[in-house]
Amino acid sequence: LNGDSNVAFFREYKNVGLTPQAMP
């Protein structure tokens, strides 16, 4: 992903409980 789409992606990633430890 490029640009400010990364903001929305990582916020949603955390919101659903995905972590760097479980799925980096």
PDBML (XML) file of the C-alpha atoms, coordinates in Angstrom:
<?xml version="1.0" encoding="UTF-8" ?>
<PDBx:datablock datablockName="MODEL"
   xmlns:PDBx="http://pdbml.pdb.org/schema/pdbx-v50.xsd"
   xmlns:xsi="http://www.w3.org/2001/XMLSchema-instance"
   xsi:schemaLocation="http://pdbml.pdb.org/schema/pdbx-v50.xsd pdbx-v50.xsd">
   <PDBx:atom_siteCategory>
      <PDBx:atom_site id="1">
         <PDBx:B_iso_or_equiv>0.00</PDBx:B_iso_or_equiv>
         <PDBx:Cartn_x>0.000</PDBx:Cartn_x>
         <PDBx:Cartn_y>0.000</PDBx:Cartn_y>
         <PDBx:Cartn_z>0.000</PDBx:Cartn_z>
         <PDBx:auth_asym_id>A</PDBx:auth_asym_id>
         <PDBx:auth_atom_id>CA</PDBx:auth_atom_id>
         <PDBx:auth_comp_id>LEU</PDBx:auth_comp_id>
         <PDBx:auth_seq_id>1</PDBx:auth_seq_id>
         <PDBx:group_PDB>ATOM</PDBx:group_PDB>
         <PDBx:label_alt_id xsi:nil="true" />
         <PDBx:label_asym_id>A</PDBx:label_asym_id>
         <PDBx:label_atom_id>CA</PDBx:label_atom_id>
         <PDBx:label_comp_id>LEU</PDBx:label_comp_id>
         <PDBx:label_entity_id>1</PDBx:label_entity_id>
         <PDBx:label_seq_id>1</PDBx:label_seq_id>
         <PDBx:occupancy>1.00</PDBx:occupancy>
         <PDBx:pdbx_PDB_model_num>1</PDBx:pdbx_PDB_model_num>
         <PDBx:type_symbol>C</PDBx:type_symbol>
      </PDBx:atom_site>
      <PDBx:atom_site id="2">
         <PDBx:B_iso_or_equiv>0.00</PDBx:B_iso_or_equiv>
         <PDBx:Cartn_x>1.077</PDBx:Cartn_x>
         <PDBx:Cartn_y>3.585</PDBx:Cartn_y>
         <PDBx:Cartn_z>-0.612</PDBx:Cartn_z>
         <PDBx:auth_asym_id>A</PDBx:auth_asym_id>
         <PDBx:auth_atom_id>CA</PDBx:auth_atom_id>
         <PDBx:auth_comp_id>ASN</PDBx:auth_comp_id>
         <PDBx:auth_seq_id>2</PDBx:auth_seq_id>
         <PDBx:group_PDB>ATOM</PDBx:group_PDB>
         <PDBx:label_alt_id xsi:nil="true" />
         <PDBx:label_asym_id>A</PDBx:label_asym_id>
         <PDBx:label_atom_id>CA</PDBx:label_atom_id>
         <PDBx:label_comp_id>ASN</PDBx:label_comp_id>
         <PDBx:label_entity_id>1</PDBx:label_entity_id>
         <PDBx:label_seq_id>2</PDBx:label_seq_id>
         <PDBx:occupancy>1.00</PDBx:occupancy>
         <PDBx:pdbx_PDB_model_num>1</PDBx:pdbx_PDB_model_num>
         <PDBx:type_symbol>C</PDBx:type_symbol>
      </PDBx:atom_site>
      <PDBx:atom_site id="3">
         <PDBx:B_iso_or_equiv>0.00</PDBx:B_iso_or_equiv>
         <PDBx:Cartn_x>0.155</PDBx:Cartn_x>
         <PDBx:Cartn_y>6.956</PDBx:Cartn_y>
         <PDBx:Cartn_z>0.824</PDBx:Cartn_z>
         <PDBx:auth_asym_id>A</PDBx:auth_asym_id>
         <PDBx:auth_atom_id>CA</PDBx:auth_atom_id>
         <PDBx:auth_comp_id>GLY</PDBx:auth_comp_id>
         <PDBx:auth_seq_id>3</PDBx:auth_seq_id>
         <PDBx:group_PDB>ATOM</PDBx:group_PDB>
         <PDBx:label_alt_id xsi:nil="true" />
         <PDBx:label_asym_id>A</PDBx:label_asym_id>
         <PDBx:label_atom_id>CA</PDBx:label_atom_id>
         <PDBx:label_comp_id>GLY</PDBx:label_comp_id>
         <PDBx:label_entity_id>1</PDBx:label_entity_id>
         <PDBx:label_seq_id>3</PDBx:label_seq_id>
         <PDBx:occupancy>1.00</PDBx:occupancy>
         <PDBx:pdbx_PDB_model_num>1</PDBx:pdbx_PDB_model_num>
         <PDBx:type_symbol>C</PDBx:type_symbol>
      </PDBx:atom_site>
      <PDBx:atom_site id="4">
         <PDBx:B_iso_or_equiv>0.00</PDBx:B_iso_or_equiv>
         <PDBx:Cartn_x>-2.484</PDBx:Cartn_x>
         <PDBx:Cartn_y>7.564</PDBx:Cartn_y>
         <PDBx:Cartn_z>3.456</PDBx:Cartn_z>
         <PDBx:auth_asym_id>A</PDBx:auth_asym_id>
         <PDBx:auth_atom_id>CA</PDBx:auth_atom_id>
         <PDBx:auth_comp_id>ASP</PDBx:auth_comp_id>
         <PDBx:auth_seq_id>4</PDBx:auth_seq_id>
         <PDBx:group_PDB>ATOM</PDBx:group_PDB>
         <PDBx:label_alt_id xsi:nil="true" />
         <PDBx:label_asym_id>A</PDBx:label_asym_id>
         <PDBx:label_atom_id>CA</PDBx:label_atom_id>
         <PDBx:label_comp_id>ASP</PDBx:label_comp_id>
         <PDBx:label_entity_id>1</PDBx:label_entity_id>
         <PDBx:label_seq_id>4</PDBx:label_seq_id>
         <PDBx:occupancy>1.00</PDBx:occupancy>
         <PDBx:pdbx_PDB_model_num>1</PDBx:pdbx_PDB_model_num>
         <PDBx:type_symbol>C</PDBx:type_symbol>
      </PDBx:atom_site>
      <PDBx:atom_site id="5">
         <PDBx:B_iso_or_equiv>0.00</PDBx:B_iso_or_equiv>
         <PDBx:Cartn_x>-4.224</PDBx:Cartn_x>
         <PDBx:Cartn_y>4.224</PDBx:Cartn_y>
         <PDBx:Cartn_z>2.792</PDBx:Cartn_z>
         <PDBx:auth_asym_id>A</PDBx:auth_asym_id>
         <PDBx:auth_atom_id>CA</PDBx:auth_atom_id>
         <PDBx:auth_comp_id>SER</PDBx:auth_comp_id>
         <PDBx:auth_seq_id>5</PDBx:auth_seq_id>
         <PDBx:group_PDB>ATOM</PDBx:group_PDB>
         <PDBx:label_alt_id xsi:nil="true" />
         <PDBx:label_asym_id>A</PDBx:label_asym_id>
         <PDBx:label_atom_id>CA</PDBx:label_atom_id>
         <PDBx:label_comp_id>SER</PDBx:label_comp_id>
         <PDBx:label_entity_id>1</PDBx:label_entity_id>
         <PDBx:label_seq_id>5</PDBx:label_seq_id>
         <PDBx:occupancy>1.00</PDBx:occupancy>
         <PDBx:pdbx_PDB_model_num>1</PDBx:pdbx_PDB_model_num>
         <PDBx:type_symbol>C</PDBx:type_symbol>
      </PDBx:atom_site>
      <PDBx:atom_site id="6">
         <PDBx:B_iso_or_equiv>0.00</PDBx:B_iso_or_equiv>
         <PDBx:Cartn_x>-1.698</PDBx:Cartn_x>
         <PDBx:Cartn_y>2.789</PDBx:Cartn_y>
         <PDBx:Cartn_z>5.239</PDBx:Cartn_z>
         <PDBx:auth_asym_id>A</PDBx:auth_asym_id>
         <PDBx:auth_atom_id>CA</PDBx:auth_atom_id>
         <PDBx:auth_comp_id>ASN</PDBx:auth_comp_id>
         <PDBx:auth_seq_id>6</PDBx:auth_seq_id>
         <PDBx:group_PDB>ATOM</PDBx:group_PDB>
         <PDBx:label_alt_id xsi:nil="true" />
         <PDBx:label_asym_id>A</PDBx:label_asym_id>
         <PDBx:label_atom_id>CA</PDBx:label_atom_id>
         <PDBx:label_comp_id>ASN</PDBx:label_comp_id>
         <PDBx:label_entity_id>1</PDBx:label_entity_id>
         <PDBx:label_seq_id>6</PDBx:label_seq_id>
         <PDBx:occupancy>1.00</PDBx:occupancy>
         <PDBx:pdbx_PDB_model_num>1</PDBx:pdbx_PDB_model_num>
         <PDBx:type_symbol>C</PDBx:type_symbol>
      </PDBx:atom_site>
      <PDBx:atom_site id="7">
         <PDBx:B_iso_or_equiv>0.00</PDBx:B_iso_or_equiv>
         <PDBx:Cartn_x>-3.290</PDBx:Cartn_x>
         <PDBx:Cartn_y>4.813</PDBx:Cartn_y>
         <PDBx:Cartn_z>8.035</PDBx:Cartn_z>
         <PDBx:auth_asym_id>A</PDBx:auth_asym_id>
         <PDBx:auth_atom_id>CA</PDBx:auth_atom_id>
         <PDBx:auth_comp_id>VAL</PDBx:auth_comp_id>
         <PDBx:auth_seq_id>7</PDBx:auth_seq_id>
         <PDBx:group_PDB>ATOM</PDBx:group_PDB>
         <PDBx:label_alt_id xsi:nil="true" />
         <PDBx:label_asym_id>A</PDBx:label_asym_id>
         <PDBx:label_atom_id>CA</PDBx:label_atom_id>
         <PDBx:label_comp_id>VAL</PDBx:label_comp_id>
         <PDBx:label_entity_id>1</PDBx:label_entity_id>
         <PDBx:label_seq_id>7</PDBx:label_seq_id>
         <PDBx:occupancy>1.00</PDBx:occupancy>
         <PDBx:pdbx_PDB_model_num>1</PDBx:pdbx_PDB_model_num>
         <PDBx:type_symbol>C</PDBx:type_symbol>
      </PDBx:atom_site>
      <PDBx:atom_site id="8">
         <PDBx:B_iso_or_equiv>0.00</PDBx:B_iso_or_equiv>
         <PDBx:Cartn_x>-6.673</PDBx:Cartn_x>
         <PDBx:Cartn_y>3.141</PDBx:Cartn_y>
         <PDBx:Cartn_z>7.578</PDBx:Cartn_z>
         <PDBx:auth_asym_id>A</PDBx:auth_asym_id>
         <PDBx:auth_atom_id>CA</PDBx:auth_atom_id>
         <PDBx:auth_comp_id>ALA</PDBx:auth_comp_id>
         <PDBx:auth_seq_id>8</PDBx:auth_seq_id>
         <PDBx:group_PDB>ATOM</PDBx:group_PDB>
         <PDBx:label_alt_id xsi:nil="true" />
         <PDBx:label_asym_id>A</PDBx:label_asym_id>
         <PDBx:label_atom_id>CA</PDBx:label_atom_id>
         <PDBx:label_comp_id>ALA</PDBx:label_comp_id>
         <PDBx:label_entity_id>1</PDBx:label_entity_id>
         <PDBx:label_seq_id>8</PDBx:label_seq_id>
         <PDBx:occupancy>1.00</PDBx:occupancy>
         <PDBx:pdbx_PDB_model_num>1</PDBx:pdbx_PDB_model_num>
         <PDBx:type_symbol>C</PDBx:type_symbol>
      </PDBx:atom_site>
      <PDBx:atom_site id="9">
         <PDBx:B_iso_or_equiv>0.00</PDBx:B_iso_or_equiv>
         <PDBx:Cartn_x>-5.183</PDBx:Cartn_x>
         <PDBx:Cartn_y>-0.315</PDBx:Cartn_y>
         <PDBx:Cartn_z>6.974</PDBx:Cartn_z>
         <PDBx:auth_asym_id>A</PDBx:auth_asym_id>
         <PDBx:auth_atom_id>CA</PDBx:auth_atom_id>
         <PDBx:auth_comp_id>PHE</PDBx:auth_comp_id>
         <PDBx:auth_seq_id>9</PDBx:auth_seq_id>
         <PDBx:group_PDB>ATOM</PDBx:group_PDB>
         <PDBx:label_alt_id xsi:nil="true" />
         <PDBx:label_asym_id>A</PDBx:label_asym_id>
         <PDBx:label_atom_id>CA</PDBx:label_atom_id>
         <PDBx:label_comp_id>PHE</PDBx:label_comp_id>
         <PDBx:label_entity_id>1</PDBx:label_entity_id>
         <PDBx:label_seq_id>9</PDBx:label_seq_id>
         <PDBx:occupancy>1.00</PDBx:occupancy>
         <PDBx:pdbx_PDB_model_num>1</PDBx:pdbx_PDB_model_num>
         <PDBx:type_symbol>C</PDBx:type_symbol>
      </PDBx:atom_site>
      <PDBx:atom_site id="10">
         <PDBx:B_iso_or_equiv>0.00</PDBx:B_iso_or_equiv>
         <PDBx:Cartn_x>-3.109</PDBx:Cartn_x>
         <PDBx:Cartn_y>-0.494</PDBx:Cartn_y>
         <PDBx:Cartn_z>10.146</PDBx:Cartn_z>
         <PDBx:auth_asym_id>A</PDBx:auth_asym_id>
         <PDBx:auth_atom_id>CA</PDBx:auth_atom_id>
         <PDBx:auth_comp_id>PHE</PDBx:auth_comp_id>
         <PDBx:auth_seq_id>10</PDBx:auth_seq_id>
         <PDBx:group_PDB>ATOM</PDBx:group_PDB>
         <PDBx:label_alt_id xsi:nil="true" />
         <PDBx:label_asym_id>A</PDBx:label_asym_id>
         <PDBx:label_atom_id>CA</PDBx:label_atom_id>
         <PDBx:label_comp_id>PHE</PDBx:label_comp_id>
         <PDBx:label_entity_id>1</PDBx:label_entity_id>
         <PDBx:label_seq_id>10</PDBx:label_seq_id>
         <PDBx:occupancy>1.00</PDBx:occupancy>
         <PDBx:pdbx_PDB_model_num>1</PDBx:pdbx_PDB_model_num>
         <PDBx:type_symbol>C</PDBx:type_symbol>
      </PDBx:atom_site>
      <PDBx:atom_site id="11">
         <PDBx:B_iso_or_equiv>0.00</PDBx:B_iso_or_equiv>
         <PDBx:Cartn_x>-5.832</PDBx:Cartn_x>
         <PDBx:Cartn_y>1.001</PDBx:Cartn_y>
         <PDBx:Cartn_z>12.316</PDBx:Cartn_z>
         <PDBx:auth_asym_id>A</PDBx:auth_asym_id>
         <PDBx:auth_atom_id>CA</PDBx:auth_atom_id>
         <PDBx:auth_comp_id>ARG</PDBx:auth_comp_id>
         <PDBx:auth_seq_id>11</PDBx:auth_seq_id>
         <PDBx:group_PDB>ATOM</PDBx:group_PDB>
         <PDBx:label_alt_id xsi:nil="true" />
         <PDBx:label_asym_id>A</PDBx:label_asym_id>
         <PDBx:label_atom_id>CA</PDBx:label_atom_id>
         <PDBx:label_comp_id>ARG</PDBx:label_comp_id>
         <PDBx:label_entity_id>1</PDBx:label_entity_id>
         <PDBx:label_seq_id>11</PDBx:label_seq_id>
         <PDBx:occupancy>1.00</PDBx:occupancy>
         <PDBx:pdbx_PDB_model_num>1</PDBx:pdbx_PDB_model_num>
         <PDBx:type_symbol>C</PDBx:type_symbol>
      </PDBx:atom_site>
      <PDBx:atom_site id="12">
         <PDBx:B_iso_or_equiv>0.00</PDBx:B_iso_or_equiv>
         <PDBx:Cartn_x>-8.233</PDBx:Cartn_x>
         <PDBx:Cartn_y>-1.660</PDBx:Cartn_y>
         <PDBx:Cartn_z>11.080</PDBx:Cartn_z>
         <PDBx:auth_asym_id>A</PDBx:auth_asym_id>
         <PDBx:auth_atom_id>CA</PDBx:auth_atom_id>
         <PDBx:auth_comp_id>GLU</PDBx:auth_comp_id>
         <PDBx:auth_seq_id>12</PDBx:auth_seq_id>
         <PDBx:group_PDB>ATOM</PDBx:group_PDB>
         <PDBx:label_alt_id xsi:nil="true" />
         <PDBx:label_asym_id>A</PDBx:label_asym_id>
         <PDBx:label_atom_id>CA</PDBx:label_atom_id>
         <PDBx:label_comp_id>GLU</PDBx:label_comp_id>
         <PDBx:label_entity_id>1</PDBx:label_entity_id>
         <PDBx:label_seq_id>12</PDBx:label_seq_id>
         <PDBx:occupancy>1.00</PDBx:occupancy>
         <PDBx:pdbx_PDB_model_num>1</PDBx:pdbx_PDB_model_num>
         <PDBx:type_symbol>C</PDBx:type_symbol>
      </PDBx:atom_site>
      <PDBx:atom_site id="13">
         <PDBx:B_iso_or_equiv>0.00</PDBx:B_iso_or_equiv>
         <PDBx:Cartn_x>-5.527</PDBx:Cartn_x>
         <PDBx:Cartn_y>-4.324</PDBx:Cartn_y>
         <PDBx:Cartn_z>11.451</PDBx:Cartn_z>
         <PDBx:auth_asym_id>A</PDBx:auth_asym_id>
         <PDBx:auth_atom_id>CA</PDBx:auth_atom_id>
         <PDBx:auth_comp_id>TYR</PDBx:auth_comp_id>
         <PDBx:auth_seq_id>13</PDBx:auth_seq_id>
         <PDBx:group_PDB>ATOM</PDBx:group_PDB>
         <PDBx:label_alt_id xsi:nil="true" />
         <PDBx:label_asym_id>A</PDBx:label_asym_id>
         <PDBx:label_atom_id>CA</PDBx:label_atom_id>
         <PDBx:label_comp_id>TYR</PDBx:label_comp_id>
         <PDBx:label_entity_id>1</PDBx:label_entity_id>
         <PDBx:label_seq_id>13</PDBx:label_seq_id>
         <PDBx:occupancy>1.00</PDBx:occupancy>
         <PDBx:pdbx_PDB_model_num>1</PDBx:pdbx_PDB_model_num>
         <PDBx:type_symbol>C</PDBx:type_symbol>
      </PDBx:atom_site>
      <PDBx:atom_site id="14">
         <PDBx:B_iso_or_equiv>0.00</PDBx:B_iso_or_equiv>
         <PDBx:Cartn_x>-5.195</PDBx:Cartn_x>
         <PDBx:Cartn_y>-3.501</PDBx:Cartn_y>
         <PDBx:Cartn_z>15.132</PDBx:Cartn_z>
         <PDBx:auth_asym_id>A</PDBx:auth_asym_id>
         <PDBx:auth_atom_id>CA</PDBx:auth_atom_id>
         <PDBx:auth_comp_id>LYS</PDBx:auth_comp_id>
         <PDBx:auth_seq_id>14</PDBx:auth_seq_id>
         <PDBx:group_PDB>ATOM</PDBx:group_PDB>
         <PDBx:label_alt_id xsi:nil="true" />
         <PDBx:label_asym_id>A</PDBx:label_asym_id>
         <PDBx:label_atom_id>CA</PDBx:label_atom_id>
         <PDBx:label_comp_id>LYS</PDBx:label_comp_id>
         <PDBx:label_entity_id>1</PDBx:label_entity_id>
         <PDBx:label_seq_id>14</PDBx:label_seq_id>
         <PDBx:occupancy>1.00</PDBx:occupancy>
         <PDBx:pdbx_PDB_model_num>1</PDBx:pdbx_PDB_model_num>
         <PDBx:type_symbol>C</PDBx:type_symbol>
      </PDBx:atom_site>
      <PDBx:atom_site id="15">
         <PDBx:B_iso_or_equiv>0.00</PDBx:B_iso_or_equiv>
         <PDBx:Cartn_x>-8.949</PDBx:Cartn_x>
         <PDBx:Cartn_y>-3.089</PDBx:Cartn_y>
         <PDBx:Cartn_z>15.616</PDBx:Cartn_z>
         <PDBx:auth_asym_id>A</PDBx:auth_asym_id>
         <PDBx:auth_atom_id>CA</PDBx:auth_atom_id>
         <PDBx:auth_comp_id>ASN</PDBx:auth_comp_id>
         <PDBx:auth_seq_id>15</PDBx:auth_seq_id>
         <PDBx:group_PDB>ATOM</PDBx:group_PDB>
         <PDBx:label_alt_id xsi:nil="true" />
         <PDBx:label_asym_id>A</PDBx:label_asym_id>
         <PDBx:label_atom_id>CA</PDBx:label_atom_id>
         <PDBx:label_comp_id>ASN</PDBx:label_comp_id>
         <PDBx:label_entity_id>1</PDBx:label_entity_id>
         <PDBx:label_seq_id>15</PDBx:label_seq_id>
         <PDBx:occupancy>1.00</PDBx:occupancy>
         <PDBx:pdbx_PDB_model_num>1</PDBx:pdbx_PDB_model_num>
         <PDBx:type_symbol>C</PDBx:type_symbol>
      </PDBx:atom_site>
      <PDBx:atom_site id="16">
         <PDBx:B_iso_or_equiv>0.00</PDBx:B_iso_or_equiv>
         <PDBx:Cartn_x>-9.611</PDBx:Cartn_x>
         <PDBx:Cartn_y>-6.725</PDBx:Cartn_y>
         <PDBx:Cartn_z>14.648</PDBx:Cartn_z>
         <PDBx:auth_asym_id>A</PDBx:auth_asym_id>
         <PDBx:auth_atom_id>CA</PDBx:auth_atom_id>
         <PDBx:auth_comp_id>VAL</PDBx:auth_comp_id>
         <PDBx:auth_seq_id>16</PDBx:auth_seq_id>
         <PDBx:group_PDB>ATOM</PDBx:group_PDB>
         <PDBx:label_alt_id xsi:nil="true" />
         <PDBx:label_asym_id>A</PDBx:label_asym_id>
         <PDBx:label_atom_id>CA</PDBx:label_atom_id>
         <PDBx:label_comp_id>VAL</PDBx:label_comp_id>
         <PDBx:label_entity_id>1</PDBx:label_entity_id>
         <PDBx:label_seq_id>16</PDBx:label_seq_id>
         <PDBx:occupancy>1.00</PDBx:occupancy>
         <PDBx:pdbx_PDB_model_num>1</PDBx:pdbx_PDB_model_num>
         <PDBx:type_symbol>C</PDBx:type_symbol>
      </PDBx:atom_site>
      <PDBx:atom_site id="17">
         <PDBx:B_iso_or_equiv>0.00</PDBx:B_iso_or_equiv>
         <PDBx:Cartn_x>-6.945</PDBx:Cartn_x>
         <PDBx:Cartn_y>-7.971</PDBx:Cartn_y>
         <PDBx:Cartn_z>17.037</PDBx:Cartn_z>
         <PDBx:auth_asym_id>A</PDBx:auth_asym_id>
         <PDBx:auth_atom_id>CA</PDBx:auth_atom_id>
         <PDBx:auth_comp_id>GLY</PDBx:auth_comp_id>
         <PDBx:auth_seq_id>17</PDBx:auth_seq_id>
         <PDBx:group_PDB>ATOM</PDBx:group_PDB>
         <PDBx:label_alt_id xsi:nil="true" />
         <PDBx:label_asym_id>A</PDBx:label_asym_id>
         <PDBx:label_atom_id>CA</PDBx:label_atom_id>
         <PDBx:label_comp_id>GLY</PDBx:label_comp_id>
         <PDBx:label_entity_id>1</PDBx:label_entity_id>
         <PDBx:label_seq_id>17</PDBx:label_seq_id>
         <PDBx:occupancy>1.00</PDBx:occupancy>
         <PDBx:pdbx_PDB_model_num>1</PDBx:pdbx_PDB_model_num>
         <PDBx:type_symbol>C</PDBx:type_symbol>
      </PDBx:atom_site>
      <PDBx:atom_site id="18">
         <PDBx:B_iso_or_equiv>0.00</PDBx:B_iso_or_equiv>
         <PDBx:Cartn_x>-4.155</PDBx:Cartn_x>
         <PDBx:Cartn_y>-8.786</PDBx:Cartn_y>
         <PDBx:Cartn_z>14.582</PDBx:Cartn_z>
         <PDBx:auth_asym_id>A</PDBx:auth_asym_id>
         <PDBx:auth_atom_id>CA</PDBx:auth_atom_id>
         <PDBx:auth_comp_id>LEU</PDBx:auth_comp_id>
         <PDBx:auth_seq_id>18</PDBx:auth_seq_id>
         <PDBx:group_PDB>ATOM</PDBx:group_PDB>
         <PDBx:label_alt_id xsi:nil="true" />
         <PDBx:label_asym_id>A</PDBx:label_asym_id>
         <PDBx:label_atom_id>CA</PDBx:label_atom_id>
         <PDBx:label_comp_id>LEU</PDBx:label_comp_id>
         <PDBx:label_entity_id>1</PDBx:label_entity_id>
         <PDBx:label_seq_id>18</PDBx:label_seq_id>
         <PDBx:occupancy>1.00</PDBx:occupancy>
         <PDBx:pdbx_PDB_model_num>1</PDBx:pdbx_PDB_model_num>
         <PDBx:type_symbol>C</PDBx:type_symbol>
      </PDBx:atom_site>
      <PDBx:atom_site id="19">
         <PDBx:B_iso_or_equiv>0.00</PDBx:B_iso_or_equiv>
         <PDBx:Cartn_x>-0.675</PDBx:Cartn_x>
         <PDBx:Cartn_y>-8.283</PDBx:Cartn_y>
         <PDBx:Cartn_z>16.021</PDBx:Cartn_z>
         <PDBx:auth_asym_id>A</PDBx:auth_asym_id>
         <PDBx:auth_atom_id>CA</PDBx:auth_atom_id>
         <PDBx:auth_comp_id>THR</PDBx:auth_comp_id>
         <PDBx:auth_seq_id>19</PDBx:auth_seq_id>
         <PDBx:group_PDB>ATOM</PDBx:group_PDB>
         <PDBx:label_alt_id xsi:nil="true" />
         <PDBx:label_asym_id>A</PDBx:label_asym_id>
         <PDBx:label_atom_id>CA</PDBx:label_atom_id>
         <PDBx:label_comp_id>THR</PDBx:label_comp_id>
         <PDBx:label_entity_id>1</PDBx:label_entity_id>
         <PDBx:label_seq_id>19</PDBx:label_seq_id>
         <PDBx:occupancy>1.00</PDBx:occupancy>
         <PDBx:pdbx_PDB_model_num>1</PDBx:pdbx_PDB_model_num>
         <PDBx:type_symbol>C</PDBx:type_symbol>
      </PDBx:atom_site>
      <PDBx:atom_site id="20">
         <PDBx:B_iso_or_equiv>0.00</PDBx:B_iso_or_equiv>
         <PDBx:Cartn_x>2.923</PDBx:Cartn_x>
         <PDBx:Cartn_y>-8.280</PDBx:Cartn_y>
         <PDBx:Cartn_z>14.763</PDBx:Cartn_z>
         <PDBx:auth_asym_id>A</PDBx:auth_asym_id>
         <PDBx:auth_atom_id>CA</PDBx:auth_atom_id>
         <PDBx:auth_comp_id>PRO</PDBx:auth_comp_id>
         <PDBx:auth_seq_id>20</PDBx:auth_seq_id>
         <PDBx:group_PDB>ATOM</PDBx:group_PDB>
         <PDBx:label_alt_id xsi:nil="true" />
         <PDBx:label_asym_id>A</PDBx:label_asym_id>
         <PDBx:label_atom_id>CA</PDBx:label_atom_id>
         <PDBx:label_comp_id>PRO</PDBx:label_comp_id>
         <PDBx:label_entity_id>1</PDBx:label_entity_id>
         <PDBx:label_seq_id>20</PDBx:label_seq_id>
         <PDBx:occupancy>1.00</PDBx:occupancy>
         <PDBx:pdbx_PDB_model_num>1</PDBx:pdbx_PDB_model_num>
         <PDBx:type_symbol>C</PDBx:type_symbol>
      </PDBx:atom_site>
      <PDBx:atom_site id="21">
         <PDBx:B_iso_or_equiv>0.00</PDBx:B_iso_or_equiv>
         <PDBx:Cartn_x>3.548</PDBx:Cartn_x>
         <PDBx:Cartn_y>-11.320</PDBx:Cartn_y>
         <PDBx:Cartn_z>16.948</PDBx:Cartn_z>
         <PDBx:auth_asym_id>A</PDBx:auth_asym_id>
         <PDBx:auth_atom_id>CA</PDBx:auth_atom_id>
         <PDBx:auth_comp_id>GLN</PDBx:auth_comp_id>
         <PDBx:auth_seq_id>21</PDBx:auth_seq_id>
         <PDBx:group_PDB>ATOM</PDBx:group_PDB>
         <PDBx:label_alt_id xsi:nil="true" />
         <PDBx:label_asym_id>A</PDBx:label_asym_id>
         <PDBx:label_atom_id>CA</PDBx:label_atom_id>
         <PDBx:label_comp_id>GLN</PDBx:label_comp_id>
         <PDBx:label_entity_id>1</PDBx:label_entity_id>
         <PDBx:label_seq_id>21</PDBx:label_seq_id>
         <PDBx:occupancy>1.00</PDBx:occupancy>
         <PDBx:pdbx_PDB_model_num>1</PDBx:pdbx_PDB_model_num>
         <PDBx:type_symbol>C</PDBx:type_symbol>
      </PDBx:atom_site>
      <PDBx:atom_site id="22">
         <PDBx:B_iso_or_equiv>0.00</PDBx:B_iso_or_equiv>
         <PDBx:Cartn_x>0.690</PDBx:Cartn_x>
         <PDBx:Cartn_y>-13.356</PDBx:Cartn_y>
         <PDBx:Cartn_z>15.454</PDBx:Cartn_z>
         <PDBx:auth_asym_id>A</PDBx:auth_asym_id>
         <PDBx:auth_atom_id>CA</PDBx:auth_atom_id>
         <PDBx:auth_comp_id>ALA</PDBx:auth_comp_id>
         <PDBx:auth_seq_id>22</PDBx:auth_seq_id>
         <PDBx:group_PDB>ATOM</PDBx:group_PDB>
         <PDBx:label_alt_id xsi:nil="true" />
         <PDBx:label_asym_id>A</PDBx:label_asym_id>
         <PDBx:label_atom_id>CA</PDBx:label_atom_id>
         <PDBx:label_comp_id>ALA</PDBx:label_comp_id>
         <PDBx:label_entity_id>1</PDBx:label_entity_id>
         <PDBx:label_seq_id>22</PDBx:label_seq_id>
         <PDBx:occupancy>1.00</PDBx:occupancy>
         <PDBx:pdbx_PDB_model_num>1</PDBx:pdbx_PDB_model_num>
         <PDBx:type_symbol>C</PDBx:type_symbol>
      </PDBx:atom_site>
      <PDBx:atom_site id="23">
         <PDBx:B_iso_or_equiv>0.00</PDBx:B_iso_or_equiv>
         <PDBx:Cartn_x>0.863</PDBx:Cartn_x>
         <PDBx:Cartn_y>-12.137</PDBx:Cartn_y>
         <PDBx:Cartn_z>11.853</PDBx:Cartn_z>
         <PDBx:auth_asym_id>A</PDBx:auth_asym_id>
         <PDBx:auth_atom_id>CA</PDBx:auth_atom_id>
         <PDBx:auth_comp_id>MET</PDBx:auth_comp_id>
         <PDBx:auth_seq_id>23</PDBx:auth_seq_id>
         <PDBx:group_PDB>ATOM</PDBx:group_PDB>
         <PDBx:label_alt_id xsi:nil="true" />
         <PDBx:label_asym_id>A</PDBx:label_asym_id>
         <PDBx:label_atom_id>CA</PDBx:label_atom_id>
         <PDBx:label_comp_id>MET</PDBx:label_comp_id>
         <PDBx:label_entity_id>1</PDBx:label_entity_id>
         <PDBx:label_seq_id>23</PDBx:label_seq_id>
         <PDBx:occupancy>1.00</PDBx:occupancy>
         <PDBx:pdbx_PDB_model_num>1</PDBx:pdbx_PDB_model_num>
         <PDBx:type_symbol>C</PDBx:type_symbol>
      </PDBx:atom_site>
      <PDBx:atom_site id="24">
         <PDBx:B_iso_or_equiv>0.00</PDBx:B_iso_or_equiv>
         <PDBx:Cartn_x>3.594</PDBx:Cartn_x>
         <PDBx:Cartn_y>-9.576</PDBx:Cartn_y>
         <PDBx:Cartn_z>11.122</PDBx:Cartn_z>
         <PDBx:auth_asym_id>A</PDBx:auth_asym_id>
         <PDBx:auth_atom_id>CA</PDBx:auth_atom_id>
         <PDBx:auth_comp_id>PRO</PDBx:auth_comp_id>
         <PDBx:auth_seq_id>24</PDBx:auth_seq_id>
         <PDBx:group_PDB>ATOM</PDBx:group_PDB>
         <PDBx:label_alt_id xsi:nil="true" />
         <PDBx:label_asym_id>A</PDBx:label_asym_id>
         <PDBx:label_atom_id>CA</PDBx:label_atom_id>
         <PDBx:label_comp_id>PRO</PDBx:label_comp_id>
         <PDBx:label_entity_id>1</PDBx:label_entity_id>
         <PDBx:label_seq_id>24</PDBx:label_seq_id>
         <PDBx:occupancy>1.00</PDBx:occupancy>
         <PDBx:pdbx_PDB_model_num>1</PDBx:pdbx_PDB_model_num>
         <PDBx:type_symbol>C</PDBx:type_symbol>
      </PDBx:atom_site>
   </PDBx:atom_siteCategory>
</PDBx:datablock>
